[in-house]
Structures are given as structure tokens and as C-alpha cells.
C-alpha atoms as a PDB file:
ATOM      1  CA  MET A   1       9.419  -6.537  14.876  1.00  0.00           C
ATOM      2  CA  THR A   2      11.726  -4.430  17.016  1.00  0.00           C
ATOM      3  CA  GLN A   3      11.258  -4.786  20.774  1.00  0.00           C
ATOM      4  CA  ILE A   4      12.822  -2.664  23.512  1.00  0.00           C
ATOM      5  CA  THR A   5      11.735  -3.246  27.087  1.00  0.00           C
ATOM      6  CA  SER A   6      12.347  -0.115  29.151  1.00  0.00           C
ATOM      7  CA  LEU A   7      12.606   0.120  32.964  1.00  0.00           C
ATOM      8  CA  ASP A   8       9.472   2.357  32.924  1.00  0.00           C
ATOM      9  CA  PHE A   9       7.496  -0.272  31.047  1.00  0.00           C
ATOM     10  CA  LEU A  10       8.615  -3.087  33.369  1.00  0.00           C
ATOM     11  CA  ALA A  11       7.824  -0.990  36.509  1.00  0.00           C
ATOM     12  CA  ALA A  12       4.355  -0.149  35.145  1.00  0.00           C
ATOM     13  CA  ALA A  13       3.613  -3.722  34.107  1.00  0.00           C
ATOM     14  CA  ASN A  14       4.457  -4.988  37.568  1.00  0.00           C
ATOM     15  CA  ALA A  15       2.839  -2.202  39.580  1.00  0.00           C
ATOM     16  CA  SER A  16      -0.518  -2.729  41.176  1.00  0.00           C
ATOM     17  CA  GLU A  17      -1.579   0.799  40.195  1.00  0.00           C
ATOM     18  CA  THR A  18       0.175   3.139  37.757  1.00  0.00           C
ATOM     19  CA  GLY A  19      -0.445   6.151  35.602  1.00  0.00           C
ATOM     20  CA  VAL A  20       1.822   4.753  32.833  1.00  0.00           C
ATOM     21  CA  PHE A  21       0.142   3.202  29.839  1.00  0.00           C
ATOM     22  CA  PRO A  22       0.949   2.295  26.240  1.00  0.00           C
ATOM     23  CA  ILE A  23      -0.042   4.409  23.265  1.00  0.00           C
ATOM     24  CA  LEU A  24      -0.354   3.050  19.774  1.00  0.00           C
ATOM     25  CA  LEU A  25       0.961   5.310  16.961  1.00  0.00           C
ATOM     26  CA  LEU A  26      -0.167   4.456  13.356  1.00  0.00           C
ATOM     27  CA  THR A  27       1.597   5.775  10.278  1.00  0.00           C
ATOM     28  CA  ILE A  28      -0.369   5.209   7.039  1.00  0.00           C
ATOM     29  CA  THR A  29       1.480   5.755   3.768  1.00  0.00           C
ATOM     30  CA  HIS A  30       0.551   5.288   0.095  1.00  0.00           C
ATOM     31  CA  GLU A  31       1.782   6.566  -3.209  1.00  0.00           C
ATOM     32  CA  ASP A  32      -1.478   8.395  -3.748  1.00  0.00           C
ATOM     33  CA  LEU A  33      -1.114  10.392  -0.510  1.00  0.00           C
ATOM     34  CA  LEU A  34       0.928  13.630  -0.336  1.00  0.00           C
ATOM     35  CA  ASP A  35       1.692  13.239   3.330  1.00  0.00           C
ATOM     36  CA  PRO A  36       1.380  10.189   5.625  1.00  0.00           C
ATOM     37  CA  ILE A  37      -1.590   9.938   7.872  1.00  0.00           C
ATOM     38  CA  LEU A  38      -0.531   9.920  11.512  1.00  0.00           C
ATOM     39  CA  LEU A  39      -3.059   8.468  14.053  1.00  0.00           C
ATOM     40  CA  SER A  40      -2.800   7.889  17.815  1.00  0.00           C
ATOM     41  CA  THR A  41      -4.878   5.982  20.384  1.00  0.00           C
ATOM     42  CA  ASP A  42      -4.507   8.607  23.086  1.00  0.00           C
ATOM     43  CA  PRO A  43      -5.482  12.291  23.327  1.00  0.00           C
ATOM     44  CA  THR A  44      -2.300  13.205  25.087  1.00  0.00           C
ATOM     45  CA  THR A  45      -2.161  16.914  24.208  1.00  0.00           C
ATOM     46  CA  ARG A  46      -3.900  19.630  22.244  1.00  0.00           C
ATOM     47  CA  ILE A  47      -2.319  19.670  18.774  1.00  0.00           C
ATOM     48  CA  ILE A  48      -4.579  22.247  17.058  1.00  0.00           C
ATOM     49  CA  GLU A  49      -6.653  24.836  18.853  1.00  0.00           C
ATOM     50  CA  THR A  50      -8.716  27.428  16.939  1.00  0.00           C
ATOM     51  CA  THR A  51     -11.919  29.303  17.676  1.00  0.00           C
ATOM     52  CA  SER A  52     -13.895  26.594  15.910  1.00  0.00           C
ATOM     53  CA  GLU A  53     -12.181  23.416  16.926  1.00  0.00           C
ATOM     54  CA  VAL A  54      -9.780  21.636  19.255  1.00  0.00           C
ATOM     55  CA  VAL A  55      -7.900  18.650  17.959  1.00  0.00           C
ATOM     56  CA  TYR A  56      -6.109  16.236  20.393  1.00  0.00           C
ATOM     57  CA  GLY A  57      -3.419  13.766  19.714  1.00  0.00           C
ATOM     58  CA  THR A  58       0.105  12.664  20.531  1.00  0.00           C
ATOM     59  CA  THR A  59       3.357  14.391  19.584  1.00  0.00           C
ATOM     60  CA  SER A  60       6.152  11.844  19.230  1.00  0.00           C
ATOM     61  CA  ASN A  61       9.554  12.427  17.729  1.00  0.00           C
ATOM     62  CA  GLY A  62       8.474  15.754  16.275  1.00  0.00           C
ATOM     63  CA  ASN A  63       5.392  14.307  14.482  1.00  0.00           C
ATOM     64  CA  ASP A  64       1.773  15.113  15.452  1.00  0.00           C
ATOM     65  CA  TYR A  65      -0.463  12.035  15.532  1.00  0.00           C
ATOM     66  CA  LEU A  66      -4.136  12.818  15.572  1.00  0.00           C
ATOM     67  CA  PHE A  67      -6.327  11.054  18.102  1.00  0.00           C
ATOM     68  CA  LEU A  68      -9.092   8.810  16.854  1.00  0.00           C
ATOM     69  CA  PRO A  69     -10.819   6.288  19.028  1.00  0.00           C
ATOM     70  CA  MET A  70      -9.746   2.882  17.789  1.00  0.00           C
ATOM     71  CA  THR A  71      -9.160  -0.707  18.766  1.00  0.00           C
ATOM     72  CA  LEU A  72      -6.187  -2.678  17.422  1.00  0.00           C
ATOM     73  CA  LYS A  73      -5.837  -6.457  17.799  1.00  0.00           C
ATOM     74  CA  LEU A  74      -2.136  -7.005  17.957  1.00  0.00           C
ATOM     75  CA  PRO A  75      -0.584 -10.107  16.232  1.00  0.00           C
ATOM     76  CA  GLY A  76      -0.151 -13.373  18.075  1.00  0.00           C
ATOM     77  CA  GLU A  77       2.477 -16.070  17.404  1.00  0.00           C
ATOM     78  CA  PRO A  78       0.922 -18.493  14.820  1.00  0.00           C
ATOM     79  CA  ASP A  79       2.665 -21.543  13.592  1.00  0.00           C
ATOM     80  CA  GLN A  80       2.186 -20.728   9.889  1.00  0.00           C
ATOM     81  CA  GLY A  81       3.874 -17.511   8.947  1.00  0.00           C
ATOM     82  CA  PRO A  82       3.443 -13.989  10.292  1.00  0.00           C
ATOM     83  CA  ALA A  83       0.346 -13.080  12.150  1.00  0.00           C
ATOM     84  CA  ASN A  84      -2.211 -10.595  11.017  1.00  0.00           C
ATOM     85  CA  MET A  85      -3.759  -7.678  12.981  1.00  0.00           C
ATOM     86  CA  SER A  86      -7.226  -6.176  12.852  1.00  0.00           C
ATOM     87  CA  ILE A  87      -8.269  -2.582  13.446  1.00  0.00           C
ATOM     88  CA  GLU A  88     -11.513  -0.766  14.126  1.00  0.00           C
ATOM     89  CA  ILE A  89     -11.512   2.990  13.924  1.00  0.00           C
ATOM     90  CA  ASP A  90     -14.484   5.086  15.039  1.00  0.00           C
ATOM     91  CA  ASN A  91     -15.786   6.886  11.969  1.00  0.00           C
ATOM     92  CA  VAL A  92     -15.929  10.240  13.578  1.00  0.00           C
ATOM     93  CA  ALA A  93     -13.777  11.855  10.838  1.00  0.00           C
ATOM     94  CA  LEU A  94     -15.621  11.551   7.482  1.00  0.00           C
ATOM     95  CA  GLU A  95     -12.362  12.550   5.842  1.00  0.00           C
ATOM     96  CA  LEU A  96     -10.931   9.159   6.692  1.00  0.00           C
ATOM     97  CA  THR A  97     -13.807   7.447   4.847  1.00  0.00           C
ATOM     98  CA  SER A  98     -13.250   9.434   1.623  1.00  0.00           C
ATOM     99  CA  LEU A  99      -9.576   8.839   1.916  1.00  0.00           C
ATOM    100  CA  PHE A 100      -9.877   5.070   2.114  1.00  0.00           C
ATOM    101  CA  ARG A 101     -12.261   5.151  -0.885  1.00  0.00           C
ATOM    102  CA  SER A 102      -9.954   7.230  -2.980  1.00  0.00           C
ATOM    103  CA  ILE A 103      -6.860   5.037  -2.616  1.00  0.00           C
ATOM    104  CA  SER A 104      -6.303   2.637  -5.564  1.00  0.00           C
ATOM    105  CA  SER A 105      -4.325  -0.088  -3.796  1.00  0.00           C
ATOM    106  CA  PRO A 106      -3.802  -1.181  -0.155  1.00  0.00           C
ATOM    107  CA  PRO A 107      -1.819   1.423   1.906  1.00  0.00           C
ATOM    108  CA  SER A 108       1.147   0.499   4.139  1.00  0.00           C
ATOM    109  CA  ILE A 109       0.851   0.908   7.879  1.00  0.00           C
ATOM    110  CA  ASN A 110       3.491   0.988  10.593  1.00  0.00           C
ATOM    111  CA  VAL A 111       2.406   0.424  14.177  1.00  0.00           C
ATOM    112  CA  ASP A 112       4.558   1.758  16.989  1.00  0.00           C
ATOM    113  CA  ILE A 113       3.984   1.487  20.732  1.00  0.00           C
ATOM    114  CA  VAL A 114       5.218   4.160  23.211  1.00  0.00           C
ATOM    115  CA  LEU A 115       4.454   4.947  26.760  1.00  0.00           C
ATOM    116  CA  ASN A 116       2.612   8.046  27.865  1.00  0.00           C
ATOM    117  CA  SER A 117       5.502   8.793  30.257  1.00  0.00           C
ATOM    118  CA  ASP A 118       7.994   9.184  27.306  1.00  0.00           C
ATOM    119  CA  VAL A 119       6.336   9.332  23.904  1.00  0.00           C
ATOM    120  CA  ASP A 120       9.685   9.725  22.070  1.00  0.00           C
ATOM    121  CA  ILE A 121      10.945   6.269  22.960  1.00  0.00           C
ATOM    122  CA  ILE A 122       9.454   3.584  20.657  1.00  0.00           C
ATOM    123  CA  LEU A 123       9.142   0.371  22.621  1.00  0.00           C
ATOM    124  CA  THR A 124       7.892  -1.965  19.803  1.00  0.00           C
ATOM    125  CA  THR A 125       7.186  -1.523  16.162  1.00  0.00           C
ATOM    126  CA  TRP A 126       5.365  -3.578  13.498  1.00  0.00           C
ATOM    127  CA  PRO A 127       6.525  -2.157  10.083  1.00  0.00           C
ATOM    128  CA  GLU A 128       5.226  -2.525   6.578  1.00  0.00           C
ATOM    129  CA  TYR A 129       1.708  -4.075   7.157  1.00  0.00           C
ATOM    130  CA  LEU A 130      -0.814  -3.697   4.397  1.00  0.00           C
ATOM    131  CA  LEU A 131      -4.345  -2.485   5.058  1.00  0.00           C
ATOM    132  CA  ILE A 132      -6.815  -4.832   3.319  1.00  0.00           C
ATOM    133  CA  ASN A 133     -10.528  -5.815   3.471  1.00  0.00           C
ATOM    134  CA  VAL A 134     -11.614  -2.321   4.501  1.00  0.00           C
ATOM    135  CA  HIS A 135     -15.295  -2.211   5.527  1.00  0.00           C
ATOM    136  CA  ILE A 136     -16.811   1.260   6.138  1.00  0.00           C
ATOM    137  CA  SER A 137     -20.031   1.933   7.914  1.00  0.00           C
ATOM    138  CA  ALA A 138     -21.598   5.052   9.400  1.00  0.00           C
ATOM    139  CA  GLU A 139     -20.121   4.204  12.804  1.00  0.00           C
ATOM    140  CA  ILE A 140     -16.895   2.325  12.259  1.00  0.00           C
ATOM    141  CA  VAL A 141     -14.082   1.538   9.825  1.00  0.00           C
ATOM    142  CA  ARG A 142     -12.870  -2.102  10.059  1.00  0.00           C
ATOM    143  CA  ALA A 143      -9.842  -3.570   8.294  1.00  0.00           C
ATOM    144  CA  GLU A 144      -7.184  -6.233   8.413  1.00  0.00           C
ATOM    145  CA  LEU A 145      -3.472  -5.614   8.537  1.00  0.00           C
ATOM    146  CA  VAL A 146      -1.337  -8.252   6.820  1.00  0.00           C
ATOM    147  CA  LEU A 147       2.230  -8.880   5.942  1.00  0.00           C
ATOM    148  CA  GLU A 148       3.270  -9.720   2.416  1.00  0.00           C
ATOM    149  CA  THR A 149       6.359 -11.845   2.791  1.00  0.00           C
ATOM    150  CA  LEU A 150       8.139 -14.554   0.923  1.00  0.00           C
ATOM    151  CA  VAL A 151       7.173 -16.930   3.642  1.00  0.00           C
ATOM    152  CA  MET A 152       3.575 -16.887   2.447  1.00  0.00           C
ATOM    153  CA  GLU A 153       4.517 -17.555  -1.156  1.00  0.00           C
ATOM    154  CA  PRO A 154       3.608 -21.082  -2.379  1.00  0.00           C
ATOM    155  CA  PHE A 155       6.513 -23.430  -3.024  1.00  0.00           C
ATOM    156  CA  PRO A 156       7.335 -24.415  -5.608  1.00  0.00           C
ATOM    157  CA  ALA A 157       6.013 -21.316  -7.289  1.00  0.00           C
ATOM    158  CA  GLY A 158       5.462 -23.056 -10.614  1.00  0.00           C
ATOM    159  CA  THR A 159       5.409 -26.598 -12.086  1.00  0.00           C
ATOM    160  CA  PHE A 160       6.821 -27.996 -15.307  1.00  0.00           C
ATOM    161  CA  ASN A 161       3.761 -28.921 -17.313  1.00  0.00           C
ATOM    162  CA  PRO A 162       3.126 -29.271 -21.031  1.00  0.00           C
ATOM    163  CA  SER A 163       1.000 -26.150 -21.261  1.00  0.00           C
ATOM    164  CA  GLU A 164       3.822 -23.858 -19.974  1.00  0.00           C
ATOM    165  CA  PHE A 165       7.035 -25.754 -20.980  1.00  0.00           C
ATOM    166  CA  LEU A 166       6.449 -27.257 -24.478  1.00  0.00           C
ATOM    167  CA  GLY A 167      10.018 -28.077 -25.166  1.00  0.00           C
ATOM    168  CA  MET A 168      10.238 -30.442 -22.192  1.00  0.00           C
ATOM    169  CA  PHE A 169       7.606 -32.839 -23.296  1.00  0.00           C
END
């Protein structure tokens, strides 16, 4: 995890009232996807405006992140290995449902935190989480975000036993 504490963030965190708040930016990638899916927790600006629809989102570092109402439980600091996250996304875009059902393996997700006062400066990032245990209903998409690391691998990985190592016995 990369962590940068800016003066704006410290001032906003210590202020009794402020208009500065954090925005979560999610980047979902997978080998089955042509382009990454970019999602935001805040409707900062109008990204697309046509006669039939208006789409809100956040533009950060030249990328347009589409706004979807969501809740993300950030990782804590557990004693055993890296912490997991959980996410709930309002199922307002049915394209998201068909997308999750069409992917053959868990997609990778990067989570970045920026401030609304300067969306181009990433304060914290959680890279390379895997999206697993996806549950889709008519109202909400729920999933877990986990890290696959060597820390979680069992040790020792194998044992010397007669069924696998005949020459030793």
C-alpha cells in the first residue's frame, strides 16, 4: 500500500467543517476485457452529456471514472496476513451484472483514494486485489476483495510421503 498524507488531507481531517472529502477510484482489469472498467464513488463532474442521458463521474489523471453508488469496506490490520476488503455496488447499471457473469476468472482491482480538492493526486492505493465471491441481486452487487500473496501459502507446501516420493521409502 502506498500512502501519501497531503497537507490538504490533514487540514480537512482536523477541521470541524470542511468541503474536502475523499473519493475512491476503482480500476477493474481482466484478460477478457478490452478496456479496464473505471468506477468512482463521487459524481464530481459530467463526463458524458447527450440528449438522452447524462453520466457523472470523476476525471483523474486523464481517465474518466464513472460514478456508481457503492460502499467499500477498507482493510484493517489483522495479525494473520493481508486484510480483505468488501464492496457493495448498487445494481443501477445492468451492464455491470452481465459483465461480472461473462468473466471466466476473478478480475483484478486497484483501489485509489483521492481528495475532491485535487483528484490528480493519489493519496493511498491498494493494488492487485482479486474480486471473488460475487453475489448479484436485483438491487446490489456484493463481492470480496482479497490479496493472493505468498504469505497466505501453507508452509511447508508439500510433505515427503510414500505416495508422492516412492524412492525415499
